[in-house]
Amino acid sequence: MHVTINGIDTRYVVSNEGGGPWLTLAHHLSGDLSVWDQIAGYFRDDYTVLRYDLPGHGESAAPTEPLSIEALSGHLAELLSKLGVTSTHLVGLSAGGMIAQQFAVDHADKVNTLTVAGAPIFTTSEMKPDFDKRAANVRQNGTSSIVEATVQSVLTERFRKAHPEVVEHVGEMVARTSVEGFAKVAEAIRDFDLRGRVASINAPTLVVAGEHDVDLPSAQSKVVADSIPGAKFEILDAAHLSPVEETQRFAALLETFLRENV
């Protein structure tokens, strides 16, 4: 399904075999909604699961204007409004986790619970130049040029060797990402900063980190949990894409968390 949001043709998928409360899943930079396929399969019998492609990712049209995490939060708000969703359980991975936090600050009344995987509350000054370099590199060489490095970064070596089919899928997601979709979301990540605001989040919150995450050390995820009142913190035996590497464990954590807060 597609809907136009702020001039951007946006792909989304709703899975609701048994109906139930809304559960919205937001993906990472250079990913798409298919990263959530297995997780959606776990929850579609009890929840109405919504997945969508960020601008310029998957089958969503590329943005023509600069993006910010605030703008991407507004993009999600408009999608939910068009679908008639008044409130949702919200899960975000990496960039999606930044969007999810921003959304919980901007639209507190629409968030039943918040789950943040592999995302900080701000991008450090040391990391800002890296996102500029990544955007510039992709604009010069295309997203196909970063497939190998990305796959090695977001999945552990052990998992890559055991699951070549997942490696192929993750690489395909990266290659499908449009140049401006990647670059503009990377620049939005560069400028992300919720310090001083994240403590206002009052939704029950679960923060998940990957023990072997080289893109976002687990200590930075712990800062998120420590900054949101009452947040729970869990570490999985995974790199950056913990819902992919530890799908069953991630689903079990999320299922227990949601059951405690529905």
Protein backbone atom coordinates (compact mmCIF):
# COMPACT_ATOMS: atom_id res chain seq x y z
CA MET A 1 0.00 0.00 0.00
CA HIS A 2 1.12 3.56 -0.71
CA VAL A 3 0.05 6.96 0.60
CA THR A 4 1.38 10.45 -0.10
CA ILE A 5 2.79 12.22 2.95
CA ASN A 6 4.12 15.76 2.58
CA GLY A 7 4.56 15.13 -1.12
CA ILE A 8 6.45 11.84 -0.61
CA ASP A 9 4.93 8.62 -1.91
CA THR A 10 5.28 6.31 1.10
CA ARG A 11 4.99 2.52 1.17
CA TYR A 12 3.47 0.80 4.17
CA VAL A 13 2.20 -2.67 5.10
CA VAL A 14 -0.46 -3.49 7.69
CA SER A 15 -0.66 -7.05 9.07
CA ASN A 16 -3.63 -7.72 11.33
CA GLU A 17 -4.59 -11.37 11.20
CA GLY A 18 -6.31 -11.14 14.59
CA GLY A 19 -6.80 -7.42 14.95
CA GLY A 20 -5.72 -5.91 18.23
CA PRO A 21 -3.82 -2.79 19.27
CA TRP A 22 -1.57 -1.03 16.77
CA LEU A 23 2.14 -1.89 16.79
CA THR A 24 4.28 0.36 14.58
CA LEU A 25 7.80 -0.62 13.48
CA ALA A 26 10.33 1.94 12.17
CA HIS A 27 13.50 0.71 10.44
CA HIS A 28 17.15 1.78 10.29
CA LEU A 29 19.21 3.89 7.88
CA SER A 30 19.65 2.01 4.56
CA GLY A 31 16.98 -0.52 5.52
CA ASP A 32 13.34 -0.93 4.64
CA LEU A 33 10.17 -2.38 6.14
CA SER A 34 11.22 -5.94 5.23
CA VAL A 35 13.76 -5.93 8.07
CA TRP A 36 10.73 -6.44 10.31
CA ASP A 37 9.25 -9.40 8.41
CA GLN A 38 9.90 -11.99 11.10
CA ILE A 39 8.94 -9.70 13.97
CA ALA A 40 5.70 -8.80 12.21
CA GLY A 41 5.02 -12.52 11.83
CA TYR A 42 5.32 -13.01 15.58
CA PHE A 43 2.85 -10.26 16.46
CA ARG A 44 0.26 -10.08 13.67
CA ASP A 45 -2.13 -12.48 15.41
CA ASP A 46 -2.46 -10.25 18.46
CA TYR A 47 -1.64 -6.78 17.12
CA THR A 48 -2.31 -4.66 14.07
CA VAL A 49 1.29 -4.39 12.86
CA LEU A 50 2.28 -1.37 10.76
CA ARG A 51 5.59 -1.21 8.90
CA TYR A 52 6.63 1.54 6.52
CA ASP A 53 9.58 2.67 4.40
CA LEU A 54 11.35 5.88 5.38
CA PRO A 55 11.67 8.50 2.62
CA GLY A 56 14.04 7.31 -0.08
CA HIS A 57 14.18 3.80 1.38
CA GLY A 58 12.60 0.64 0.03
CA GLU A 59 9.73 1.67 -2.23
CA SER A 60 9.15 5.13 -0.72
CA ALA A 61 10.02 8.07 -2.95
CA ALA A 62 13.22 9.97 -2.36
CA PRO A 63 12.99 13.29 -0.49
CA THR A 64 13.77 16.47 -2.36
CA GLU A 65 14.08 18.70 0.72
CA PRO A 66 16.45 18.33 3.71
CA LEU A 67 15.22 16.06 6.48
CA SER A 68 15.43 16.20 10.26
CA ILE A 69 14.44 13.65 12.87
CA GLU A 70 11.66 16.09 13.84
CA ALA A 71 10.41 16.08 10.25
CA LEU A 72 10.53 12.28 10.16
CA SER A 73 8.54 12.20 13.40
CA GLY A 74 5.97 14.42 11.69
CA HIS A 75 6.03 12.10 8.67
CA LEU A 76 5.09 9.19 10.93
CA ALA A 77 2.39 11.26 12.63
CA GLU A 78 0.83 12.03 9.25
CA LEU A 79 0.95 8.36 8.22
CA LEU A 80 -0.83 7.33 11.41
CA SER A 81 -3.41 10.08 10.93
CA LYS A 82 -4.14 8.98 7.37
CA LEU A 83 -4.63 5.41 8.62
CA GLY A 84 -6.93 6.53 11.42
CA VAL A 85 -4.53 5.40 14.17
CA THR A 86 -5.14 7.29 17.41
CA SER A 87 -2.43 5.52 19.43
CA THR A 88 0.19 2.83 18.91
CA HIS A 89 2.91 0.77 20.50
CA LEU A 90 6.03 2.10 18.81
CA VAL A 91 9.26 0.22 18.07
CA GLY A 92 12.26 1.88 16.38
CA LEU A 93 15.60 0.47 15.26
CA SER A 94 18.64 2.77 14.96
CA ALA A 95 17.40 5.80 12.95
CA GLY A 96 13.93 4.43 13.58
CA GLY A 97 14.72 4.48 17.29
CA MET A 98 15.61 8.16 17.06
CA ILE A 99 12.35 8.84 15.22
CA ALA A 100 10.47 6.83 17.83
CA GLN A 101 11.96 8.85 20.70
CA GLN A 102 11.23 12.11 18.90
CA PHE A 103 7.67 10.96 18.24
CA ALA A 104 7.19 10.05 21.91
CA VAL A 105 8.27 13.60 22.82
CA ASP A 106 6.23 15.31 20.08
CA HIS A 107 3.09 13.15 20.28
CA ALA A 108 3.01 11.71 23.78
CA ASP A 109 -0.73 11.05 23.65
CA LYS A 110 -0.29 8.74 20.66
CA VAL A 111 2.32 6.41 22.21
CA ASN A 112 1.15 3.44 24.30
CA THR A 113 4.65 2.05 24.77
CA LEU A 114 8.07 2.87 23.34
CA THR A 115 10.80 0.40 22.36
CA VAL A 116 14.18 1.76 21.25
CA ALA A 117 16.78 -0.58 19.73
CA GLY A 118 20.30 0.58 18.92
CA ALA A 119 19.70 4.32 19.10
CA PRO A 120 21.17 7.15 21.20
CA ILE A 121 19.47 10.27 22.58
CA PHE A 122 21.88 12.48 20.61
CA THR A 123 24.64 12.23 18.02
CA THR A 124 27.97 13.04 19.63
CA SER A 125 30.21 15.76 18.23
CA GLU A 126 32.78 13.07 17.44
CA MET A 127 30.27 11.22 15.24
CA LYS A 128 28.84 14.19 13.35
CA PRO A 129 31.65 14.32 10.74
CA ASP A 130 31.18 10.59 10.08
CA PHE A 131 27.60 11.13 8.92
CA ASP A 132 28.72 14.00 6.68
CA LYS A 133 31.33 11.71 5.15
CA ARG A 134 28.85 8.88 4.69
CA ALA A 135 26.37 11.19 2.95
CA ALA A 136 29.07 12.63 0.69
CA ASN A 137 30.44 9.19 -0.16
CA VAL A 138 27.04 7.87 -1.18
CA ARG A 139 26.32 10.97 -3.26
CA GLN A 140 29.58 10.38 -5.10
CA ASN A 141 29.61 6.58 -5.35
CA GLY A 142 26.03 5.36 -4.81
CA THR A 143 24.58 3.11 -2.12
CA SER A 144 25.88 -0.07 -3.77
CA SER A 145 29.36 1.07 -2.81
CA ILE A 146 28.63 0.73 0.91
CA VAL A 147 26.93 -2.70 0.88
CA GLU A 148 29.92 -4.76 2.04
CA ALA A 149 31.04 -2.34 4.75
CA THR A 150 27.49 -1.93 6.05
CA VAL A 151 26.82 -5.65 6.26
CA GLN A 152 30.09 -6.22 8.14
CA SER A 153 29.25 -3.39 10.53
CA VAL A 154 25.64 -4.24 11.43
CA LEU A 155 25.91 -8.05 11.78
CA THR A 156 28.45 -10.06 13.77
CA GLU A 157 30.93 -12.21 11.86
CA ARG A 158 29.52 -15.32 13.53
CA PHE A 159 26.01 -14.52 12.33
CA ARG A 160 27.17 -13.61 8.82
CA LYS A 161 28.87 -16.98 8.40
CA ALA A 162 25.83 -18.88 9.69
CA HIS A 163 23.19 -16.94 7.75
CA PRO A 164 24.36 -15.97 4.24
CA GLU A 165 20.74 -15.53 3.16
CA VAL A 166 20.27 -12.76 5.73
CA VAL A 167 23.53 -11.14 4.65
CA GLU A 168 22.20 -11.10 1.09
CA HIS A 169 18.90 -9.57 2.20
CA VAL A 170 20.55 -6.84 4.26
CA GLY A 171 22.85 -6.04 1.35
CA GLU A 172 19.89 -5.80 -1.01
CA MET A 173 18.16 -3.35 1.34
CA VAL A 174 21.25 -1.14 1.34
CA ALA A 175 21.57 -1.23 -2.45
CA ARG A 176 17.87 -0.41 -2.91
CA THR A 177 18.16 2.73 -0.80
CA SER A 178 18.17 5.85 -2.94
CA VAL A 179 21.18 8.15 -2.79
CA GLU A 180 19.22 11.11 -1.45
CA GLY A 181 17.20 8.91 0.89
CA PHE A 182 20.40 7.69 2.51
CA ALA A 183 22.17 11.05 2.46
CA LYS A 184 19.30 13.10 3.85
CA VAL A 185 18.46 10.64 6.63
CA ALA A 186 22.18 10.44 7.49
CA GLU A 187 22.23 14.24 7.78
CA ALA A 188 19.12 14.11 9.96
CA ILE A 189 20.91 11.65 12.26
CA ARG A 190 23.94 13.98 12.35
CA ASP A 191 21.79 16.75 13.85
CA PHE A 192 19.74 14.58 16.25
CA ASP A 193 19.71 15.75 19.86
CA LEU A 194 16.98 15.04 22.41
CA ARG A 195 18.99 15.84 25.52
CA GLY A 196 16.88 17.85 27.90
CA ARG A 197 13.66 16.62 26.29
CA VAL A 198 13.81 12.84 26.44
CA ALA A 199 13.07 12.85 30.18
CA SER A 200 9.58 14.10 29.35
CA ILE A 201 8.69 10.72 27.82
CA ASN A 202 6.12 9.13 30.08
CA ALA A 203 5.24 6.04 28.03
CA PRO A 204 6.50 2.70 29.37
CA THR A 205 9.85 2.25 27.61
CA LEU A 206 12.10 -0.66 26.70
CA VAL A 207 15.64 0.00 25.46
CA VAL A 208 17.54 -2.79 23.71
CA ALA A 209 21.25 -2.79 22.90
CA GLY A 210 23.52 -5.14 20.97
CA GLU A 211 26.47 -6.37 23.00
CA HIS A 212 28.68 -6.33 19.88
CA ASP A 213 27.31 -3.14 18.32
CA VAL A 214 30.24 -1.18 16.87
CA ASP A 215 27.96 1.51 15.43
CA LEU A 216 26.38 2.33 18.80
CA PRO A 217 28.13 0.99 21.90
CA SER A 218 25.71 -0.41 24.45
CA ALA A 219 26.76 2.29 26.92
CA GLN A 220 25.07 4.89 24.71
CA SER A 221 21.87 2.85 24.72
CA LYS A 222 22.13 2.64 28.51
CA VAL A 223 22.13 6.46 28.58
CA VAL A 224 18.75 6.38 26.82
CA ALA A 225 17.34 3.99 29.41
CA ASP A 226 18.77 6.05 32.28
CA SER A 227 17.29 9.24 30.81
CA ILE A 228 13.69 8.02 30.44
CA PRO A 229 11.90 7.55 33.76
CA GLY A 230 11.24 3.88 34.52
CA ALA A 231 12.76 2.57 31.28
CA LYS A 232 13.90 -1.06 31.11
CA PHE A 233 17.27 -1.97 29.59
CA GLU A 234 18.26 -5.22 27.90
CA ILE A 235 21.41 -6.33 26.06
CA LEU A 236 21.27 -8.98 23.33
CA ASP A 237 24.08 -11.09 21.87
CA ALA A 238 24.11 -9.18 18.59
CA ALA A 239 25.59 -6.29 16.66
CA HIS A 240 23.59 -3.27 15.45
CA LEU A 241 20.59 -5.13 13.99
CA SER A 242 19.59 -6.95 17.16
CA PRO A 243 16.01 -7.72 15.95
CA VAL A 244 17.59 -9.54 12.99
CA GLU A 245 20.37 -11.44 14.76
CA GLU A 246 18.39 -12.25 17.90
CA THR A 247 14.90 -12.35 16.43
CA GLN A 248 13.42 -14.86 18.88
CA ARG A 249 14.95 -13.21 21.94
CA PHE A 250 13.98 -9.73 20.75
CA ALA A 251 10.41 -10.90 20.07
CA ALA A 252 10.22 -12.55 23.49
CA LEU A 253 11.43 -9.38 25.24
CA LEU A 254 8.98 -7.26 23.28
CA GLU A 255 6.09 -9.66 23.84
CA THR A 256 6.65 -9.67 27.61
CA PHE A 257 7.06 -5.89 27.69
CA LEU A 258 3.86 -5.30 25.70
CA ARG A 259 1.88 -7.82 27.72
CA GLU A 260 2.89 -6.01 30.92
CA ASN A 261 1.73 -2.68 29.50
CA VAL A 262 -1.38 -3.43 27.41
